[in-house]
Structures are given as structure tokens and as C-alpha cells.
Amino acid sequence: MAGFLPLDGTGVPVAGLYVLGLQLSSVQWGTAIASEASAKYRSGYRTVRDADAIAAYILAR
């Protein structure tokens, strides 16, 4: 889950705080700001998939 935890000023992950970013095509080709749950391509629903992973992690704790 380290990829979704922000770091504090000393580089330590902040427990209990999770971040989601919008994928931009200039950073990752083929992605868009809007995410679709039923997108044809995997990159179209990446934000939804990331949010689901964070929710599953929180619920499992």
C-alpha cells in the first residue's frame, strides 16, 4: 500500500492518510482525467482500480 501513502517531511509514510492522483496522458500515455469503470482499456479505469485497492486495504484492517 506504500504507493498510496504520502510521505511526511522526513520521508516516513503518513499512517491513515491515502492519496489518489488523476492519471494524465502527458505522464502515462493513453490515460485521461476522467475514469470509467467499464472502460475498454485498462488505463481508462486505473483511478477506479486504485480507489478500489485503497478501500479494500482499509476494510481489511
PDB file of N, CA and C in Angstrom:
ATOM      1  N   MET A   1       0.833  -1.193   0.000  1.00  0.00           N
ATOM      2  CA  MET A   1       0.000   0.000   0.000  1.00  0.00           C
ATOM      3  C   MET A   1       0.872   1.247   0.000  1.00  0.00           C
ATOM      4  N   ALA A   2       2.165   1.072  -0.003  1.00  0.00           N
ATOM      5  CA  ALA A   2       3.078   2.213   0.083  1.00  0.00           C
ATOM      6  C   ALA A   2       2.869   3.228  -1.033  1.00  0.00           C
ATOM      7  N   GLY A   3       2.424   2.807  -2.195  1.00  0.00           N
ATOM      8  CA  GLY A   3       2.231   3.716  -3.305  1.00  0.00           C
ATOM      9  C   GLY A   3       1.115   4.724  -3.104  1.00  0.00           C
ATOM     10  N   PHE A   4       0.249   4.488  -2.130  1.00  0.00           N
ATOM     11  CA  PHE A   4      -0.886   5.370  -1.887  1.00  0.00           C
ATOM     12  C   PHE A   4      -0.745   6.175  -0.603  1.00  0.00           C
ATOM     13  N   LEU A   5       0.373   6.028   0.084  1.00  0.00           N
ATOM     14  CA  LEU A   5       0.607   6.759   1.334  1.00  0.00           C
ATOM     15  C   LEU A   5       1.533   7.939   1.076  1.00  0.00           C
ATOM     16  N   PRO A   6       1.120   9.152   1.465  1.00  0.00           N
ATOM     17  CA  PRO A   6       2.026  10.291   1.310  1.00  0.00           C
ATOM     18  C   PRO A   6       3.146  10.200   2.343  1.00  0.00           C
ATOM     19  N   LEU A   7       4.238  10.889   2.076  1.00  0.00           N
ATOM     20  CA  LEU A   7       5.378  10.899   2.993  1.00  0.00           C
ATOM     21  C   LEU A   7       5.423  12.217   3.742  1.00  0.00           C
ATOM     22  N   ASP A   8       5.840  12.146   4.997  1.00  0.00           N
ATOM     23  CA  ASP A   8       5.993  13.384   5.763  1.00  0.00           C
ATOM     24  C   ASP A   8       7.328  14.041   5.394  1.00  0.00           C
ATOM     25  N   GLY A   9       7.682  15.097   6.079  1.00  0.00           N
ATOM     26  CA  GLY A   9       8.904  15.837   5.780  1.00  0.00           C
ATOM     27  C   GLY A   9      10.184  15.050   5.961  1.00  0.00           C
ATOM     28  N   THR A  10      10.119  13.965   6.729  1.00  0.00           N
ATOM     29  CA  THR A  10      11.311  13.141   6.937  1.00  0.00           C
ATOM     30  C   THR A  10      11.310  11.900   6.047  1.00  0.00           C
ATOM     31  N   GLY A  11      10.284  11.776   5.189  1.00  0.00           N
ATOM     32  CA  GLY A  11      10.226  10.639   4.281  1.00  0.00           C
ATOM     33  C   GLY A  11       9.510   9.419   4.830  1.00  0.00           C
ATOM     34  N   VAL A  12       8.845   9.574   5.972  1.00  0.00           N
ATOM     35  CA  VAL A  12       8.117   8.468   6.594  1.00  0.00           C
ATOM     36  C   VAL A  12       6.660   8.501   6.117  1.00  0.00           C
ATOM     37  N   PRO A  13       6.106   7.341   5.712  1.00  0.00           N
ATOM     38  CA  PRO A  13       4.702   7.311   5.282  1.00  0.00           C
ATOM     39  C   PRO A  13       3.757   7.774   6.397  1.00  0.00           C
ATOM     40  N   VAL A  14       2.740   8.551   6.030  1.00  0.00           N
ATOM     41  CA  VAL A  14       1.755   9.063   6.980  1.00  0.00           C
ATOM     42  C   VAL A  14       0.645   8.022   7.121  1.00  0.00           C
ATOM     43  N   ALA A  15       0.564   7.396   8.277  1.00  0.00           N
ATOM     44  CA  ALA A  15      -0.433   6.350   8.519  1.00  0.00           C
ATOM     45  C   ALA A  15      -1.845   6.921   8.496  1.00  0.00           C
ATOM     46  N   GLY A  16      -2.753   6.208   7.858  1.00  0.00           N
ATOM     47  CA  GLY A  16      -4.155   6.598   7.857  1.00  0.00           C
ATOM     48  C   GLY A  16      -4.531   7.659   6.831  1.00  0.00           C
ATOM     49  N   LEU A  17      -3.572   8.119   6.038  1.00  0.00           N
ATOM     50  CA  LEU A  17      -3.847   9.117   5.006  1.00  0.00           C
ATOM     51  C   LEU A  17      -3.480   8.510   3.659  1.00  0.00           C
ATOM     52  N   TYR A  18      -4.403   8.508   2.731  1.00  0.00           N
ATOM     53  CA  TYR A  18      -4.199   7.878   1.431  1.00  0.00           C
ATOM     54  C   TYR A  18      -4.409   8.906   0.328  1.00  0.00           C
ATOM     55  N   VAL A  19      -3.677   8.762  -0.743  1.00  0.00           N
ATOM     56  CA  VAL A  19      -3.784   9.715  -1.840  1.00  0.00           C
ATOM     57  C   VAL A  19      -4.120   8.992  -3.143  1.00  0.00           C
ATOM     58  N   LEU A  20      -4.909   9.674  -3.937  1.00  0.00           N
ATOM     59  CA  LEU A  20      -5.227   9.229  -5.288  1.00  0.00           C
ATOM     60  C   LEU A  20      -4.880  10.374  -6.218  1.00  0.00           C
ATOM     61  N   GLY A  21      -4.281  10.059  -7.321  1.00  0.00           N
ATOM     62  CA  GLY A  21      -3.973  11.090  -8.301  1.00  0.00           C
ATOM     63  C   GLY A  21      -4.716  10.807  -9.593  1.00  0.00           C
ATOM     64  N   LEU A  22      -4.898  11.827 -10.357  1.00  0.00           N
ATOM     65  CA  LEU A  22      -5.507  11.659 -11.671  1.00  0.00           C
ATOM     66  C   LEU A  22      -4.408  11.372 -12.678  1.00  0.00           C
ATOM     67  N   GLN A  23      -4.587  10.325 -13.450  1.00  0.00           N
ATOM     68  CA  GLN A  23      -3.601   9.980 -14.456  1.00  0.00           C
ATOM     69  C   GLN A  23      -3.780  10.907 -15.658  1.00  0.00           C
ATOM     70  N   LEU A  24      -2.702  11.491 -16.081  1.00  0.00           N
ATOM     71  CA  LEU A  24      -2.735  12.412 -17.203  1.00  0.00           C
ATOM     72  C   LEU A  24      -1.960  11.803 -18.363  1.00  0.00           C
ATOM     73  N   SER A  25      -2.460  11.979 -19.554  1.00  0.00           N
ATOM     74  CA  SER A  25      -1.818  11.349 -20.705  1.00  0.00           C
ATOM     75  C   SER A  25      -0.402  11.863 -20.937  1.00  0.00           C
ATOM     76  N   SER A  26      -0.075  13.052 -20.448  1.00  0.00           N
ATOM     77  CA  SER A  26       1.296  13.541 -20.605  1.00  0.00           C
ATOM     78  C   SER A  26       2.271  12.763 -19.722  1.00  0.00           C
ATOM     79  N   VAL A  27       1.747  12.126 -18.669  1.00  0.00           N
ATOM     80  CA  VAL A  27       2.577  11.330 -17.768  1.00  0.00           C
ATOM     81  C   VAL A  27       2.502   9.855 -18.134  1.00  0.00           C
ATOM     82  N   GLN A  28       1.338   9.381 -18.420  1.00  0.00           N
ATOM     83  CA  GLN A  28       1.130   7.978 -18.787  1.00  0.00           C
ATOM     84  C   GLN A  28       0.234   7.956 -20.019  1.00  0.00           C
ATOM     85  N   TRP A  29       0.801   7.645 -21.139  1.00  0.00           N
ATOM     86  CA  TRP A  29       0.097   7.718 -22.413  1.00  0.00           C
ATOM     87  C   TRP A  29      -1.174   6.883 -22.413  1.00  0.00           C
ATOM     88  N   GLY A  30      -2.237   7.426 -22.983  1.00  0.00           N
ATOM     89  CA  GLY A  30      -3.477   6.681 -23.128  1.00  0.00           C
ATOM     90  C   GLY A  30      -4.424   6.814 -21.956  1.00  0.00           C
ATOM     91  N   THR A  31      -4.077   7.605 -20.965  1.00  0.00           N
ATOM     92  CA  THR A  31      -4.965   7.790 -19.818  1.00  0.00           C
ATOM     93  C   THR A  31      -5.638   9.146 -19.918  1.00  0.00           C
ATOM     94  N   ALA A  32      -6.638   9.335 -19.127  1.00  0.00           N
ATOM     95  CA  ALA A  32      -7.376  10.599 -19.146  1.00  0.00           C
ATOM     96  C   ALA A  32      -7.724  10.996 -17.729  1.00  0.00           C
ATOM     97  N   ILE A  33      -8.159  12.240 -17.565  1.00  0.00           N
ATOM     98  CA  ILE A  33      -8.533  12.716 -16.231  1.00  0.00           C
ATOM     99  C   ILE A  33      -9.756  11.969 -15.721  1.00  0.00           C
ATOM    100  N   ALA A  34     -10.726  11.759 -16.576  1.00  0.00           N
ATOM    101  CA  ALA A  34     -11.938  11.048 -16.171  1.00  0.00           C
ATOM    102  C   ALA A  34     -11.697   9.545 -16.231  1.00  0.00           C
ATOM    103  N   SER A  35     -12.167   8.862 -15.251  1.00  0.00           N
ATOM    104  CA  SER A  35     -12.016   7.414 -15.200  1.00  0.00           C
ATOM    105  C   SER A  35     -13.363   6.760 -15.422  1.00  0.00           C
ATOM    106  N   GLU A  36     -13.373   5.658 -16.129  1.00  0.00           N
ATOM    107  CA  GLU A  36     -14.611   4.944 -16.407  1.00  0.00           C
ATOM    108  C   GLU A  36     -14.515   3.523 -15.875  1.00  0.00           C
ATOM    109  N   ALA A  37     -15.506   3.091 -15.121  1.00  0.00           N
ATOM    110  CA  ALA A  37     -15.496   1.734 -14.572  1.00  0.00           C
ATOM    111  C   ALA A  37     -15.594   0.684 -15.660  1.00  0.00           C
ATOM    112  N   SER A  38     -16.244   0.986 -16.752  1.00  0.00           N
ATOM    113  CA  SER A  38     -16.416  -0.007 -17.821  1.00  0.00           C
ATOM    114  C   SER A  38     -15.585   0.344 -19.054  1.00  0.00           C
ATOM    115  N   ALA A  39     -14.437   0.952 -18.845  1.00  0.00           N
ATOM    116  CA  ALA A  39     -13.593   1.366 -19.969  1.00  0.00           C
ATOM    117  C   ALA A  39     -13.088   0.168 -20.751  1.00  0.00           C
ATOM    118  N   LYS A  40     -12.907   0.371 -22.046  1.00  0.00           N
ATOM    119  CA  LYS A  40     -12.431  -0.696 -22.922  1.00  0.00           C
ATOM    120  C   LYS A  40     -10.984  -1.074 -22.607  1.00  0.00           C
ATOM    121  N   TYR A  41     -10.173  -0.078 -22.261  1.00  0.00           N
ATOM    122  CA  TYR A  41      -8.769  -0.326 -21.990  1.00  0.00           C
ATOM    123  C   TYR A  41      -8.469  -0.151 -20.506  1.00  0.00           C
ATOM    124  N   ARG A  42      -7.512  -0.902 -20.015  1.00  0.00           N
ATOM    125  CA  ARG A  42      -7.158  -0.897 -18.594  1.00  0.00           C
ATOM    126  C   ARG A  42      -6.828   0.510 -18.091  1.00  0.00           C
ATOM    127  N   SER A  43      -6.158   1.299 -18.916  1.00  0.00           N
ATOM    128  CA  SER A  43      -5.768   2.641 -18.484  1.00  0.00           C
ATOM    129  C   SER A  43      -6.978   3.536 -18.243  1.00  0.00           C
ATOM    130  N   GLY A  44      -8.124   3.219 -18.847  1.00  0.00           N
ATOM    131  CA  GLY A  44      -9.319   4.035 -18.689  1.00  0.00           C
ATOM    132  C   GLY A  44      -9.971   3.905 -17.332  1.00  0.00           C
ATOM    133  N   TYR A  45      -9.658   2.848 -16.607  1.00  0.00           N
ATOM    134  CA  TYR A  45     -10.266   2.677 -15.279  1.00  0.00           C
ATOM    135  C   TYR A  45      -9.216   2.558 -14.177  1.00  0.00           C
ATOM    136  N   ARG A  46      -8.044   3.077 -14.427  1.00  0.00           N
ATOM    137  CA  ARG A  46      -6.967   2.980 -13.443  1.00  0.00           C
ATOM    138  C   ARG A  46      -7.310   3.677 -12.127  1.00  0.00           C
ATOM    139  N   THR A  47      -7.893   4.865 -12.177  1.00  0.00           N
ATOM    140  CA  THR A  47      -8.235   5.580 -10.948  1.00  0.00           C
ATOM    141  C   THR A  47      -9.266   4.808 -10.143  1.00  0.00           C
ATOM    142  N   VAL A  48     -10.250   4.213 -10.822  1.00  0.00           N
ATOM    143  CA  VAL A  48     -11.254   3.400 -10.129  1.00  0.00           C
ATOM    144  C   VAL A  48     -10.586   2.190  -9.487  1.00  0.00           C
ATOM    145  N   ARG A  49      -9.668   1.559 -10.209  1.00  0.00           N
ATOM    146  CA  ARG A  49      -8.946   0.392  -9.678  1.00  0.00           C
ATOM    147  C   ARG A  49      -8.105   0.784  -8.470  1.00  0.00           C
ATOM    148  N   ASP A  50      -7.425   1.927  -8.544  1.00  0.00           N
ATOM    149  CA  ASP A  50      -6.621   2.389  -7.408  1.00  0.00           C
ATOM    150  C   ASP A  50      -7.491   2.679  -6.192  1.00  0.00           C
ATOM    151  N   ALA A  51      -8.631   3.335  -6.401  1.00  0.00           N
ATOM    152  CA  ALA A  51      -9.552   3.632  -5.299  1.00  0.00           C
ATOM    153  C   ALA A  51     -10.074   2.343  -4.673  1.00  0.00           C
ATOM    154  N   ASP A  52     -10.360   1.358  -5.507  1.00  0.00           N
ATOM    155  CA  ASP A  52     -10.830   0.070  -5.008  1.00  0.00           C
ATOM    156  C   ASP A  52      -9.753  -0.618  -4.169  1.00  0.00           C
ATOM    157  N   ALA A  53      -8.514  -0.527  -4.596  1.00  0.00           N
ATOM    158  CA  ALA A  53      -7.408  -1.132  -3.840  1.00  0.00           C
ATOM    159  C   ALA A  53      -7.256  -0.472  -2.474  1.00  0.00           C
ATOM    160  N   ILE A  54      -7.378   0.848  -2.422  1.00  0.00           N
ATOM    161  CA  ILE A  54      -7.279   1.559  -1.142  1.00  0.00           C
ATOM    162  C   ILE A  54      -8.441   1.164  -0.238  1.00  0.00           C
ATOM    163  N   ALA A  55      -9.654   1.121  -0.782  1.00  0.00           N
ATOM    164  CA  ALA A  55     -10.827   0.748   0.019  1.00  0.00           C
ATOM    165  C   ALA A  55     -10.686  -0.671   0.556  1.00  0.00           C
ATOM    166  N   ALA A  56     -10.236  -1.598  -0.272  1.00  0.00           N
ATOM    167  CA  ALA A  56     -10.052  -2.989   0.166  1.00  0.00           C
ATOM    168  C   ALA A  56      -9.016  -3.062   1.289  1.00  0.00           C
ATOM    169  N   TYR A  57      -7.941  -2.296   1.160  1.00  0.00           N
ATOM    170  CA  TYR A  57      -6.906  -2.271   2.194  1.00  0.00           C
ATOM    171  C   TYR A  57      -7.454  -1.759   3.510  1.00  0.00           C
ATOM    172  N   ILE A  58      -8.218  -0.670   3.452  1.00  0.00           N
ATOM    173  CA  ILE A  58      -8.794  -0.090   4.665  1.00  0.00           C
ATOM    174  C   ILE A  58      -9.780  -1.052   5.309  1.00  0.00           C
ATOM    175  N   LEU A  59     -10.642  -1.660   4.514  1.00  0.00           N
ATOM    176  CA  LEU A  59     -11.645  -2.591   5.047  1.00  0.00           C
ATOM    177  C   LEU A  59     -11.013  -3.853   5.633  1.00  0.00           C
ATOM    178  N   ALA A  60      -9.883  -4.272   5.103  1.00  0.00           N
ATOM    179  CA  ALA A  60      -9.204  -5.467   5.592  1.00  0.00           C
ATOM    180  C   ALA A  60      -8.519  -5.230   6.942  1.00  0.00           C
ATOM    181  N   ARG A  61      -8.294  -3.976   7.255  1.00  0.00           N
ATOM    182  CA  ARG A  61      -7.617  -3.652   8.513  1.00  0.00           C
ATOM    183  C   ARG A  61      -8.621  -3.661   9.590  1.00  0.00           C
TER     184      ARG A  61
END
